[in-house]
Amino acid sequence: MIKESVTPQEVVDLLNNALELDWEAIKVLLSYRVPCNEELQEHPTIQIRGDNSVSVLGILNGIFGVDENGRGCIAAVYNVDCPNRCKQAEDSKLTVGDICPNCGSLLMLGKLIKFIVLDRK
């Protein structure tokens, strides 16, 4: 059955289900970015990164539009890792670029955990 309409939450649910079934494939697919031309860069809703590249997630966000700041509603959530493999507390509010409280290294982007719908209200 082809759906006449789809919500951002349905897309997130599908992405999370696919992530559970084959984490590696979805990680690679959603992380893959390609350079895009100026016309695509100027699209009003498709999300383009600062290096003028686009991903599947940028296209999916383009389907649902953008908020007043030009951002989409679907996001990938990653954990934060220490390059020295220090463990971080699960409930930690540390983000990429923060200092590891254990060793003093800069924290970096870690493993893709899930997809979420951002509340832009």
PDB file of N, CA and C in Angstrom:
ATOM      1  N   MET A   1       0.840  -1.181   0.000  1.00  0.00           N
ATOM      2  CA  MET A   1       0.000   0.000   0.000  1.00  0.00           C
ATOM      3  C   MET A   1       0.886   1.246   0.000  1.00  0.00           C
ATOM      4  N   ILE A   2       0.637   2.148  -0.886  1.00  0.00           N
ATOM      5  CA  ILE A   2       1.364   3.409  -0.936  1.00  0.00           C
ATOM      6  C   ILE A   2       0.627   4.420  -0.075  1.00  0.00           C
ATOM      7  N   LYS A   3       1.362   5.076   0.822  1.00  0.00           N
ATOM      8  CA  LYS A   3       0.770   6.068   1.721  1.00  0.00           C
ATOM      9  C   LYS A   3       0.589   7.389   0.991  1.00  0.00           C
ATOM     10  N   GLU A   4      -0.500   8.043   1.254  1.00  0.00           N
ATOM     11  CA  GLU A   4      -0.764   9.357   0.655  1.00  0.00           C
ATOM     12  C   GLU A   4      -0.012  10.463   1.394  1.00  0.00           C
ATOM     13  N   SER A   5       0.304  10.229   2.666  1.00  0.00           N
ATOM     14  CA  SER A   5       1.081  11.206   3.427  1.00  0.00           C
ATOM     15  C   SER A   5       1.907  10.468   4.472  1.00  0.00           C
ATOM     16  N   VAL A   6       3.016  11.077   4.845  1.00  0.00           N
ATOM     17  CA  VAL A   6       3.934  10.496   5.817  1.00  0.00           C
ATOM     18  C   VAL A   6       4.375  11.606   6.764  1.00  0.00           C
ATOM     19  N   THR A   7       4.485  11.289   8.041  1.00  0.00           N
ATOM     20  CA  THR A   7       4.918  12.267   9.033  1.00  0.00           C
ATOM     21  C   THR A   7       6.423  12.125   9.285  1.00  0.00           C
ATOM     22  N   PRO A   8       7.038  13.173   9.820  1.00  0.00           N
ATOM     23  CA  PRO A   8       8.445  13.043  10.206  1.00  0.00           C
ATOM     24  C   PRO A   8       8.658  11.883  11.195  1.00  0.00           C
ATOM     25  N   GLN A   9       7.740  11.671  12.109  1.00  0.00           N
ATOM     26  CA  GLN A   9       7.889  10.585  13.078  1.00  0.00           C
ATOM     27  C   GLN A   9       7.888   9.227  12.391  1.00  0.00           C
ATOM     28  N   GLU A  10       7.075   9.067  11.353  1.00  0.00           N
ATOM     29  CA  GLU A  10       7.076   7.802  10.610  1.00  0.00           C
ATOM     30  C   GLU A  10       8.416   7.567   9.916  1.00  0.00           C
ATOM     31  N   VAL A  11       9.012   8.624   9.390  1.00  0.00           N
ATOM     32  CA  VAL A  11      10.322   8.499   8.756  1.00  0.00           C
ATOM     33  C   VAL A  11      11.366   8.126   9.805  1.00  0.00           C
ATOM     34  N   VAL A  12      11.340   8.782  10.956  1.00  0.00           N
ATOM     35  CA  VAL A  12      12.274   8.484  12.045  1.00  0.00           C
ATOM     36  C   VAL A  12      12.091   7.042  12.517  1.00  0.00           C
ATOM     37  N   ASP A  13      10.850   6.599  12.659  1.00  0.00           N
ATOM     38  CA  ASP A  13      10.599   5.215  13.078  1.00  0.00           C
ATOM     39  C   ASP A  13      11.182   4.222  12.076  1.00  0.00           C
ATOM     40  N   LEU A  14      11.008   4.502  10.791  1.00  0.00           N
ATOM     41  CA  LEU A  14      11.561   3.637   9.750  1.00  0.00           C
ATOM     42  C   LEU A  14      13.088   3.628   9.795  1.00  0.00           C
ATOM     43  N   LEU A  15      13.703   4.811   9.932  1.00  0.00           N
ATOM     44  CA  LEU A  15      15.155   4.892  10.011  1.00  0.00           C
ATOM     45  C   LEU A  15      15.694   4.130  11.225  1.00  0.00           C
ATOM     46  N   ASN A  16      15.032   4.284  12.362  1.00  0.00           N
ATOM     47  CA  ASN A  16      15.467   3.580  13.576  1.00  0.00           C
ATOM     48  C   ASN A  16      15.302   2.067  13.439  1.00  0.00           C
ATOM     49  N   ASN A  17      14.226   1.638  12.780  1.00  0.00           N
ATOM     50  CA  ASN A  17      14.037   0.215  12.535  1.00  0.00           C
ATOM     51  C   ASN A  17      15.141  -0.319  11.623  1.00  0.00           C
ATOM     52  N   ALA A  18      15.454   0.420  10.571  1.00  0.00           N
ATOM     53  CA  ALA A  18      16.528   0.022   9.665  1.00  0.00           C
ATOM     54  C   ALA A  18      17.870  -0.006  10.397  1.00  0.00           C
ATOM     55  N   LEU A  19      18.080   0.949  11.306  1.00  0.00           N
ATOM     56  CA  LEU A  19      19.304   1.004  12.089  1.00  0.00           C
ATOM     57  C   LEU A  19      19.446  -0.243  12.970  1.00  0.00           C
ATOM     58  N   GLU A  20      18.342  -0.691  13.551  1.00  0.00           N
ATOM     59  CA  GLU A  20      18.354  -1.916  14.358  1.00  0.00           C
ATOM     60  C   GLU A  20      18.670  -3.145  13.502  1.00  0.00           C
ATOM     61  N   LEU A  21      18.150  -3.160  12.276  1.00  0.00           N
ATOM     62  CA  LEU A  21      18.331  -4.326  11.407  1.00  0.00           C
ATOM     63  C   LEU A  21      19.735  -4.406  10.812  1.00  0.00           C
ATOM     64  N   ASP A  22      20.308  -3.246  10.460  1.00  0.00           N
ATOM     65  CA  ASP A  22      21.644  -3.245   9.860  1.00  0.00           C
ATOM     66  C   ASP A  22      22.309  -1.902  10.131  1.00  0.00           C
ATOM     67  N   TRP A  23      22.869  -1.799  11.330  1.00  0.00           N
ATOM     68  CA  TRP A  23      23.478  -0.543  11.775  1.00  0.00           C
ATOM     69  C   TRP A  23      24.540  -0.060  10.788  1.00  0.00           C
ATOM     70  N   GLU A  24      25.424  -0.944  10.355  1.00  0.00           N
ATOM     71  CA  GLU A  24      26.537  -0.558   9.491  1.00  0.00           C
ATOM     72  C   GLU A  24      26.036   0.037   8.168  1.00  0.00           C
ATOM     73  N   ALA A  25      25.079  -0.606   7.546  1.00  0.00           N
ATOM     74  CA  ALA A  25      24.561  -0.120   6.262  1.00  0.00           C
ATOM     75  C   ALA A  25      23.917   1.262   6.409  1.00  0.00           C
ATOM     76  N   ILE A  26      23.105   1.433   7.429  1.00  0.00           N
ATOM     77  CA  ILE A  26      22.418   2.716   7.618  1.00  0.00           C
ATOM     78  C   ILE A  26      23.404   3.806   8.004  1.00  0.00           C
ATOM     79  N   LYS A  27      24.382   3.471   8.846  1.00  0.00           N
ATOM     80  CA  LYS A  27      25.417   4.439   9.222  1.00  0.00           C
ATOM     81  C   LYS A  27      26.133   4.949   7.978  1.00  0.00           C
ATOM     82  N   VAL A  28      26.556   4.042   7.111  1.00  0.00           N
ATOM     83  CA  VAL A  28      27.283   4.445   5.903  1.00  0.00           C
ATOM     84  C   VAL A  28      26.369   5.239   4.971  1.00  0.00           C
ATOM     85  N   LEU A  29      25.172   4.743   4.748  1.00  0.00           N
ATOM     86  CA  LEU A  29      24.246   5.413   3.842  1.00  0.00           C
ATOM     87  C   LEU A  29      23.922   6.831   4.310  1.00  0.00           C
ATOM     88  N   LEU A  30      23.620   7.000   5.585  1.00  0.00           N
ATOM     89  CA  LEU A  30      23.222   8.313   6.083  1.00  0.00           C
ATOM     90  C   LEU A  30      24.405   9.231   6.331  1.00  0.00           C
ATOM     91  N   SER A  31      25.611   8.685   6.406  1.00  0.00           N
ATOM     92  CA  SER A  31      26.807   9.507   6.593  1.00  0.00           C
ATOM     93  C   SER A  31      27.384   9.972   5.262  1.00  0.00           C
ATOM     94  N   TYR A  32      27.018   9.299   4.197  1.00  0.00           N
ATOM     95  CA  TYR A  32      27.579   9.604   2.880  1.00  0.00           C
ATOM     96  C   TYR A  32      27.080  10.958   2.392  1.00  0.00           C
ATOM     97  N   ARG A  33      28.006  11.807   1.991  1.00  0.00           N
ATOM     98  CA  ARG A  33      27.673  13.141   1.496  1.00  0.00           C
ATOM     99  C   ARG A  33      28.323  13.329   0.137  1.00  0.00           C
ATOM    100  N   VAL A  34      27.652  14.034  -0.732  1.00  0.00           N
ATOM    101  CA  VAL A  34      28.212  14.318  -2.053  1.00  0.00           C
ATOM    102  C   VAL A  34      28.178  15.829  -2.305  1.00  0.00           C
ATOM    103  N   PRO A  35      29.164  16.321  -3.047  1.00  0.00           N
ATOM    104  CA  PRO A  35      29.144  17.745  -3.403  1.00  0.00           C
ATOM    105  C   PRO A  35      27.915  18.058  -4.240  1.00  0.00           C
ATOM    106  N   CYS A  36      27.403  19.258  -4.091  1.00  0.00           N
ATOM    107  CA  CYS A  36      26.227  19.633  -4.895  1.00  0.00           C
ATOM    108  C   CYS A  36      26.453  20.997  -5.536  1.00  0.00           C
ATOM    109  N   ASN A  37      25.692  21.245  -6.595  1.00  0.00           N
ATOM    110  CA  ASN A  37      25.859  22.490  -7.337  1.00  0.00           C
ATOM    111  C   ASN A  37      25.136  23.649  -6.641  1.00  0.00           C
ATOM    112  N   GLU A  38      25.332  24.829  -7.183  1.00  0.00           N
ATOM    113  CA  GLU A  38      24.786  26.041  -6.587  1.00  0.00           C
ATOM    114  C   GLU A  38      23.259  26.053  -6.570  1.00  0.00           C
ATOM    115  N   GLU A  39      22.646  25.504  -7.598  1.00  0.00           N
ATOM    116  CA  GLU A  39      21.173  25.475  -7.647  1.00  0.00           C
ATOM    117  C   GLU A  39      20.603  24.659  -6.489  1.00  0.00           C
ATOM    118  N   LEU A  40      21.207  23.499  -6.219  1.00  0.00           N
ATOM    119  CA  LEU A  40      20.731  22.684  -5.101  1.00  0.00           C
ATOM    120  C   LEU A  40      21.045  23.372  -3.774  1.00  0.00           C
ATOM    121  N   GLN A  41      22.183  24.018  -3.685  1.00  0.00           N
ATOM    122  CA  GLN A  41      22.552  24.736  -2.465  1.00  0.00           C
ATOM    123  C   GLN A  41      21.529  25.812  -2.114  1.00  0.00           C
ATOM    124  N   GLU A  42      20.874  26.346  -3.132  1.00  0.00           N
ATOM    125  CA  GLU A  42      19.903  27.418  -2.914  1.00  0.00           C
ATOM    126  C   GLU A  42      18.477  26.906  -2.724  1.00  0.00           C
ATOM    127  N   HIS A  43      18.290  25.589  -2.712  1.00  0.00           N
ATOM    128  CA  HIS A  43      16.946  25.040  -2.509  1.00  0.00           C
ATOM    129  C   HIS A  43      16.420  25.509  -1.151  1.00  0.00           C
ATOM    130  N   PRO A  44      15.147  25.884  -1.075  1.00  0.00           N
ATOM    131  CA  PRO A  44      14.630  26.466   0.165  1.00  0.00           C
ATOM    132  C   PRO A  44      14.478  25.490   1.338  1.00  0.00           C
ATOM    133  N   THR A  45      14.406  24.178   1.082  1.00  0.00           N
ATOM    134  CA  THR A  45      14.199  23.264   2.212  1.00  0.00           C
ATOM    135  C   THR A  45      15.222  22.138   2.317  1.00  0.00           C
ATOM    136  N   ILE A  46      15.875  21.765   1.246  1.00  0.00           N
ATOM    137  CA  ILE A  46      16.873  20.692   1.320  1.00  0.00           C
ATOM    138  C   ILE A  46      18.066  21.186   2.132  1.00  0.00           C
ATOM    139  N   GLN A  47      18.502  20.374   3.085  1.00  0.00           N
ATOM    140  CA  GLN A  47      19.585  20.756   3.984  1.00  0.00           C
ATOM    141  C   GLN A  47      20.944  20.496   3.344  1.00  0.00           C
ATOM    142  N   ILE A  48      21.736  21.548   3.222  1.00  0.00           N
ATOM    143  CA  ILE A  48      23.072  21.481   2.632  1.00  0.00           C
ATOM    144  C   ILE A  48      24.071  21.876   3.717  1.00  0.00           C
ATOM    145  N   ARG A  49      25.153  21.095   3.851  1.00  0.00           N
ATOM    146  CA  ARG A  49      26.173  21.403   4.845  1.00  0.00           C
ATOM    147  C   ARG A  49      27.045  22.558   4.354  1.00  0.00           C
ATOM    148  N   GLY A  50      27.769  23.172   5.268  1.00  0.00           N
ATOM    149  CA  GLY A  50      28.623  24.315   4.962  1.00  0.00           C
ATOM    150  C   GLY A  50      29.678  24.047   3.907  1.00  0.00           C
ATOM    151  N   ASP A  51      30.055  22.775   3.724  1.00  0.00           N
ATOM    152  CA  ASP A  51      31.038  22.445   2.682  1.00  0.00           C
ATOM    153  C   ASP A  51      30.365  22.183   1.339  1.00  0.00           C
ATOM    154  N   ASN A  52      29.087  22.595   1.227  1.00  0.00           N
ATOM    155  CA  ASN A  52      28.296  22.459  -0.010  1.00  0.00           C
ATOM    156  C   ASN A  52      28.110  21.005  -0.424  1.00  0.00           C
ATOM    157  N   SER A  53      27.793  20.168   0.560  1.00  0.00           N
ATOM    158  CA  SER A  53      27.493  18.763   0.285  1.00  0.00           C
ATOM    159  C   SER A  53      26.104  18.438   0.812  1.00  0.00           C
ATOM    160  N   VAL A  54      25.526  17.377   0.254  1.00  0.00           N
ATOM    161  CA  VAL A  54      24.175  16.964   0.621  1.00  0.00           C
ATOM    162  C   VAL A  54      24.196  15.476   0.957  1.00  0.00           C
ATOM    163  N   SER A  55      23.285  15.080   1.840  1.00  0.00           N
ATOM    164  CA  SER A  55      23.144  13.675   2.224  1.00  0.00           C
ATOM    165  C   SER A  55      21.676  13.262   2.085  1.00  0.00           C
ATOM    166  N   VAL A  56      21.432  11.986   2.264  1.00  0.00           N
ATOM    167  CA  VAL A  56      20.054  11.487   2.243  1.00  0.00           C
ATOM    168  C   VAL A  56      19.234  12.183   3.326  1.00  0.00           C
ATOM    169  N   LEU A  57      19.828  12.381   4.496  1.00  0.00           N
ATOM    170  CA  LEU A  57      19.106  13.047   5.583  1.00  0.00           C
ATOM    171  C   LEU A  57      18.738  14.486   5.194  1.00  0.00           C
ATOM    172  N   GLY A  58      19.609  15.167   4.461  1.00  0.00           N
ATOM    173  CA  GLY A  58      19.303  16.514   3.989  1.00  0.00           C
ATOM    174  C   GLY A  58      18.124  16.532   3.031  1.00  0.00           C
ATOM    175  N   ILE A  59      18.043  15.514   2.183  1.00  0.00           N
ATOM    176  CA  ILE A  59      16.908  15.388   1.257  1.00  0.00           C
ATOM    177  C   ILE A  59      15.633  15.065   2.025  1.00  0.00           C
ATOM    178  N   LEU A  60      15.708  14.107   2.970  1.00  0.00           N
ATOM    179  CA  LEU A  60      14.525  13.766   3.775  1.00  0.00           C
ATOM    180  C   LEU A  60      14.014  14.986   4.531  1.00  0.00           C
ATOM    181  N   ASN A  61      14.913  15.768   5.107  1.00  0.00           N
ATOM    182  CA  ASN A  61      14.493  16.985   5.798  1.00  0.00           C
ATOM    183  C   ASN A  61      13.828  17.953   4.835  1.00  0.00           C
ATOM    184  N   GLY A  62      14.307  17.991   3.598  1.00  0.00           N
ATOM    185  CA  GLY A  62      13.713  18.880   2.607  1.00  0.00           C
ATOM    186  C   GLY A  62      12.257  18.582   2.322  1.00  0.00           C
ATOM    187  N   ILE A  63      11.864  17.344   2.483  1.00  0.00           N
ATOM    188  CA  ILE A  63      10.468  16.950   2.256  1.00  0.00           C
ATOM    189  C   ILE A  63       9.533  17.647   3.243  1.00  0.00           C
ATOM    190  N   PHE A  64      10.005  17.791   4.484  1.00  0.00           N
ATOM    191  CA  PHE A  64       9.143  18.311   5.550  1.00  0.00           C
ATOM    192  C   PHE A  64       9.295  19.802   5.799  1.00  0.00           C
ATOM    193  N   GLY A  65      10.197  20.452   5.087  1.00  0.00           N
ATOM    194  CA  GLY A  65      10.354  21.892   5.245  1.00  0.00           C
ATOM    195  C   GLY A  65      11.355  22.253   6.329  1.00  0.00           C
ATOM    196  N   VAL A  66      11.435  23.546   6.615  1.00  0.00           N
ATOM    197  CA  VAL A  66      12.413  24.053   7.567  1.00  0.00           C
ATOM    198  C   VAL A  66      11.744  24.988   8.565  1.00  0.00           C
ATOM    199  N   ASP A  67      12.426  25.187   9.701  1.00  0.00           N
ATOM    200  CA  ASP A  67      11.924  26.140  10.688  1.00  0.00           C
ATOM    201  C   ASP A  67      12.370  27.552  10.307  1.00  0.00           C
ATOM    202  N   GLU A  68      12.098  28.511  11.161  1.00  0.00           N
ATOM    203  CA  GLU A  68      12.436  29.906  10.846  1.00  0.00           C
ATOM    204  C   GLU A  68      13.943  30.141  10.729  1.00  0.00           C
ATOM    205  N   ASN A  69      14.755  29.208  11.241  1.00  0.00           N
ATOM    206  CA  ASN A  69      16.209  29.314  11.132  1.00  0.00           C
ATOM    207  C   ASN A  69      16.773  28.495   9.971  1.00  0.00           C
ATOM    208  N   GLY A  70      15.882  27.911   9.159  1.00  0.00           N
ATOM    209  CA  GLY A  70      16.313  27.140   7.999  1.00  0.00           C
ATOM    210  C   GLY A  70      16.752  25.721   8.317  1.00  0.00           C
ATOM    211  N   ARG A  71      16.373  25.204   9.488  1.00  0.00           N
ATOM    212  CA  ARG A  71      16.777  23.853   9.886  1.00  0.00           C
ATOM    213  C   ARG A  71      15.625  22.871   9.735  1.00  0.00           C
ATOM    214  N   GLY A  72      15.977  21.636   9.417  1.00  0.00           N
ATOM    215  CA  GLY A  72      14.998  20.568   9.265  1.00  0.00           C
ATOM    216  C   GLY A  72      14.590  19.974  10.601  1.00  0.00           C
ATOM    217  N   CYS A  73      13.667  19.008  10.548  1.00  0.00           N
ATOM    218  CA  CYS A  73      13.106  18.451  11.780  1.00  0.00           C
ATOM    219  C   CYS A  73      13.628  17.062  12.134  1.00  0.00           C
ATOM    220  N   ILE A  74      14.383  16.426  11.245  1.00  0.00           N
ATOM    221  CA  ILE A  74      14.893  15.081  11.521  1.00  0.00           C
ATOM    222  C   ILE A  74      16.389  15.179  11.789  1.00  0.00           C
ATOM    223  N   ALA A  75      16.820  14.555  12.887  1.00  0.00           N
ATOM    224  CA  ALA A  75      18.236  14.620  13.255  1.00  0.00           C
ATOM    225  C   ALA A  75      18.763  13.237  13.589  1.00  0.00           C
ATOM    226  N   ALA A  76      20.035  13.059  13.316  1.00  0.00           N
ATOM    227  CA  ALA A  76      20.749  11.851  13.729  1.00  0.00           C
ATOM    228  C   ALA A  76      21.405  12.155  15.072  1.00  0.00           C
ATOM    229  N   VAL A  77      21.314  11.205  16.002  1.00  0.00           N
ATOM    230  CA  VAL A  77      21.898  11.367  17.334  1.00  0.00           C
ATOM    231  C   VAL A  77      23.114  10.454  17.446  1.00  0.00           C
ATOM    232  N   TYR A  78      24.221  11.034  17.836  1.00  0.00           N
ATOM    233  CA  TYR A  78      25.471  10.296  17.999  1.00  0.00           C
ATOM    234  C   TYR A  78      25.904  10.388  19.459  1.00  0.00           C
ATOM    235  N   ASN A  79      26.651   9.387  19.932  1.00  0.00           N
ATOM    236  CA  ASN A  79      27.252   9.558  21.242  1.00  0.00           C
ATOM    237  C   ASN A  79      28.545  10.346  21.066  1.00  0.00           C
ATOM    238  N   VAL A  80      29.144  10.734  22.173  1.00  0.00           N
ATOM    239  CA  VAL A  80      30.380  11.501  22.169  1.00  0.00           C
ATOM    240  C   VAL A  80      31.478  10.584  22.694  1.00  0.00           C
ATOM    241  N   ASP A  81      32.597  10.534  21.978  1.00  0.00           N
ATOM    242  CA  ASP A  81      33.698   9.640  22.353  1.00  0.00           C
ATOM    243  C   ASP A  81      34.964  10.415  22.683  1.00  0.00           C
ATOM    244  N   CYS A  82      35.752   9.823  23.558  1.00  0.00           N
ATOM    245  CA  CYS A  82      37.083  10.321  23.864  1.00  0.00           C
ATOM    246  C   CYS A  82      38.066   9.572  22.957  1.00  0.00           C
ATOM    247  N   PRO A  83      39.013  10.269  22.333  1.00  0.00           N
ATOM    248  CA  PRO A  83      39.977   9.575  21.476  1.00  0.00           C
ATOM    249  C   PRO A  83      40.847   8.577  22.247  1.00  0.00           C
ATOM    250  N   ASN A  84      40.909   8.740  23.570  1.00  0.00           N
ATOM    251  CA  ASN A  84      41.666   7.809  24.421  1.00  0.00           C
ATOM    252  C   ASN A  84      40.781   6.728  25.031  1.00  0.00           C
ATOM    253  N   ARG A  85      39.547   6.677  24.544  1.00  0.00           N
ATOM    254  CA  ARG A  85      38.571   5.660  24.940  1.00  0.00           C
ATOM    255  C   ARG A  85      38.138   5.721  26.404  1.00  0.00           C
ATOM    256  N   CYS A  86      38.220   6.893  27.000  1.00  0.00           N
ATOM    257  CA  CYS A  86      37.693   7.067  28.358  1.00  0.00           C
ATOM    258  C   CYS A  86      36.178   6.948  28.299  1.00  0.00           C
ATOM    259  N   LYS A  87      35.599   6.292  29.260  1.00  0.00           N
ATOM    260  CA  LYS A  87      34.143   6.150  29.320  1.00  0.00           C
ATOM    261  C   LYS A  87      33.520   7.446  29.815  1.00  0.00           C
ATOM    262  N   GLN A  88      32.407   7.815  29.181  1.00  0.00           N
ATOM    263  CA  GLN A  88      31.643   8.986  29.602  1.00  0.00           C
ATOM    264  C   GLN A  88      30.343   8.495  30.216  1.00  0.00           C
ATOM    265  N   ALA A  89      29.847   9.225  31.190  1.00  0.00           N
ATOM    266  CA  ALA A  89      28.580   8.858  31.834  1.00  0.00           C
ATOM    267  C   ALA A  89      27.455   8.901  30.812  1.00  0.00           C
ATOM    268  N   GLU A  90      26.542   7.931  30.884  1.00  0.00           N
ATOM    269  CA  GLU A  90      25.413   7.859  29.942  1.00  0.00           C
ATOM    270  C   GLU A  90      24.576   9.138  29.954  1.00  0.00           C
ATOM    271  N   ASP A  91      24.428   9.740  31.124  1.00  0.00           N
ATOM    272  CA  ASP A  91      23.586  10.933  31.246  1.00  0.00           C
ATOM    273  C   ASP A  91      24.395  12.225  31.094  1.00  0.00           C
ATOM    274  N   SER A  92      25.619  12.111  30.621  1.00  0.00           N
ATOM    275  CA  SER A  92      26.501  13.262  30.466  1.00  0.00           C
ATOM    276  C   SER A  92      25.944  14.242  29.445  1.00  0.00           C
ATOM    277  N   LYS A  93      26.134  15.495  29.698  1.00  0.00           N
ATOM    278  CA  LYS A  93      25.717  16.549  28.765  1.00  0.00           C
ATOM    279  C   LYS A  93      26.891  17.028  27.921  1.00  0.00           C
ATOM    280  N   LEU A  94      27.988  16.272  27.912  1.00  0.00           N
ATOM    281  CA  LEU A  94      29.162  16.633  27.128  1.00  0.00           C
ATOM    282  C   LEU A  94      28.856  16.548  25.645  1.00  0.00           C
ATOM    283  N   THR A  95      29.460  17.443  24.878  1.00  0.00           N
ATOM    284  CA  THR A  95      29.256  17.445  23.428  1.00  0.00           C
ATOM    285  C   THR A  95      30.613  17.466  22.713  1.00  0.00           C
ATOM    286  N   VAL A  96      30.559  17.288  21.406  1.00  0.00           N
ATOM    287  CA  VAL A  96      31.765  17.310  20.585  1.00  0.00           C
ATOM    288  C   VAL A  96      32.515  18.616  20.826  1.00  0.00           C
ATOM    289  N   GLY A  97      33.820  18.506  21.059  1.00  0.00           N
ATOM    290  CA  GLY A  97      34.649  19.683  21.307  1.00  0.00           C
ATOM    291  C   GLY A  97      34.845  19.996  22.771  1.00  0.00           C
ATOM    292  N   ASP A  98      34.021  19.398  23.649  1.00  0.00           N
ATOM    293  CA  ASP A  98      34.237  19.555  25.085  1.00  0.00           C
ATOM    294  C   ASP A  98      35.486  18.781  25.483  1.00  0.00           C
ATOM    295  N   ILE A  99      35.970  19.041  26.669  1.00  0.00           N
ATOM    296  CA  ILE A  99      37.159  18.377  27.193  1.00  0.00           C
ATOM    297  C   ILE A  99      36.738  17.136  27.978  1.00  0.00           C
ATOM    298  N   CYS A 100      37.408  16.014  27.722  1.00  0.00           N
ATOM    299  CA  CYS A 100      37.155  14.783  28.476  1.00  0.00           C
ATOM    300  C   CYS A 100      37.529  15.029  29.942  1.00  0.00           C
ATOM    301  N   PRO A 101      36.600  14.818  30.864  1.00  0.00           N
ATOM    302  CA  PRO A 101      36.913  15.053  32.277  1.00  0.00           C
ATOM    303  C   PRO A 101      37.933  14.062  32.838  1.00  0.00           C
ATOM    304  N   ASN A 102      38.167  12.965  32.134  1.00  0.00           N
ATOM    305  CA  ASN A 102      39.102  11.949  32.621  1.00  0.00           C
ATOM    306  C   ASN A 102      40.537  12.187  32.168  1.00  0.00           C
ATOM    307  N   CYS A 103      40.729  12.615  30.899  1.00  0.00           N
ATOM    308  CA  CYS A 103      42.096  12.725  30.387  1.00  0.00           C
ATOM    309  C   CYS A 103      42.433  14.082  29.777  1.00  0.00           C
ATOM    310  N   GLY A 104      41.438  14.942  29.580  1.00  0.00           N
ATOM    311  CA  GLY A 104      41.697  16.271  29.041  1.00  0.00           C
ATOM    312  C   GLY A 104      41.706  16.371  27.521  1.00  0.00           C
ATOM    313  N   SER A 105      41.424  15.278  26.804  1.00  0.00           N
ATOM    314  CA  SER A 105      41.380  15.313  25.342  1.00  0.00           C
ATOM    315  C   SER A 105      40.077  15.932  24.856  1.00  0.00           C
ATOM    316  N   LEU A 106      40.087  16.427  23.613  1.00  0.00           N
ATOM    317  CA  LEU A 106      38.856  16.941  23.012  1.00  0.00           C
ATOM    318  C   LEU A 106      37.966  15.775  22.627  1.00  0.00           C
ATOM    319  N   LEU A 107      36.697  15.860  22.998  1.00  0.00           N
ATOM    320  CA  LEU A 107      35.745  14.811  22.653  1.00  0.00           C
ATOM    321  C   LEU A 107      35.358  14.924  21.192  1.00  0.00           C
ATOM    322  N   MET A 108      35.032  13.788  20.593  1.00  0.00           N
ATOM    323  CA  MET A 108      34.710  13.750  19.165  1.00  0.00           C
ATOM    324  C   MET A 108      33.409  12.991  18.933  1.00  0.00           C
ATOM    325  N   LEU A 109      32.900  13.109  17.706  1.00  0.00           N
ATOM    326  CA  LEU A 109      31.681  12.424  17.310  1.00  0.00           C
ATOM    327  C   LEU A 109      31.877  10.920  17.411  1.00  0.00           C
ATOM    328  N   GLY A 110      30.933  10.244  18.031  1.00  0.00           N
ATOM    329  CA  GLY A 110      31.027   8.803  18.215  1.00  0.00           C
ATOM    330  C   GLY A 110      30.068   8.036  17.325  1.00  0.00           C
ATOM    331  N   LYS A 111      29.476   7.020  17.886  1.00  0.00           N
ATOM    332  CA  LYS A 111      28.618   6.083  17.167  1.00  0.00           C
ATOM    333  C   LYS A 111      27.216   6.656  16.937  1.00  0.00           C
ATOM    334  N   LEU A 112      26.671   6.389  15.756  1.00  0.00           N
ATOM    335  CA  LEU A 112      25.284   6.744  15.454  1.00  0.00           C
ATOM    336  C   LEU A 112      24.380   5.906  16.345  1.00  0.00           C
ATOM    337  N   ILE A 113      23.537   6.569  17.121  1.00  0.00           N
ATOM    338  CA  ILE A 113      22.683   5.884  18.089  1.00  0.00           C
ATOM    339  C   ILE A 113      21.253   5.725  17.587  1.00  0.00           C
ATOM    340  N   LYS A 114      20.680   6.838  17.101  1.00  0.00           N
ATOM    341  CA  LYS A 114      19.275   6.818  16.684  1.00  0.00           C
ATOM    342  C   LYS A 114      18.953   8.082  15.906  1.00  0.00           C
ATOM    343  N   PHE A 115      17.750   8.113  15.397  1.00  0.00           N
ATOM    344  CA  PHE A 115      17.221   9.300  14.723  1.00  0.00           C
ATOM    345  C   PHE A 115      16.064   9.826  15.549  1.00  0.00           C
ATOM    346  N   ILE A 116      15.887  11.137  15.544  1.00  0.00           N
ATOM    347  CA  ILE A 116      14.799  11.760  16.312  1.00  0.00           C
ATOM    348  C   ILE A 116      14.143  12.854  15.484  1.00  0.00           C
ATOM    349  N   VAL A 117      12.915  13.211  15.895  1.00  0.00           N
ATOM    350  CA  VAL A 117      12.229  14.373  15.355  1.00  0.00           C
ATOM    351  C   VAL A 117      12.479  15.504  16.346  1.00  0.00           C
ATOM    352  N   LEU A 118      13.047  16.587  15.857  1.00  0.00           N
ATOM    353  CA  LEU A 118      13.329  17.727  16.722  1.00  0.00           C
ATOM    354  C   LEU A 118      12.060  18.535  16.942  1.00  0.00           C
ATOM    355  N   ASP A 119      11.905  19.010  18.169  1.00  0.00           N
ATOM    356  CA  ASP A 119      10.767  19.867  18.495  1.00  0.00           C
ATOM    357  C   ASP A 119      11.186  21.301  18.198  1.00  0.00           C
ATOM    358  N   ARG A 120      10.687  21.863  17.127  1.00  0.00           N
ATOM    359  CA  ARG A 120      11.083  23.198  16.689  1.00  0.00           C
ATOM    360  C   ARG A 120      10.051  24.253  17.061  1.00  0.00           C
ATOM    361  N   LYS A 121       9.205  23.973  18.021  1.00  0.00           N
ATOM    362  CA  LYS A 121       8.162  24.939  18.399  1.00  0.00           C
ATOM    363  C   LYS A 121       8.666  25.933  19.404  1.00  0.00           C
TER     364      LYS A 121
END
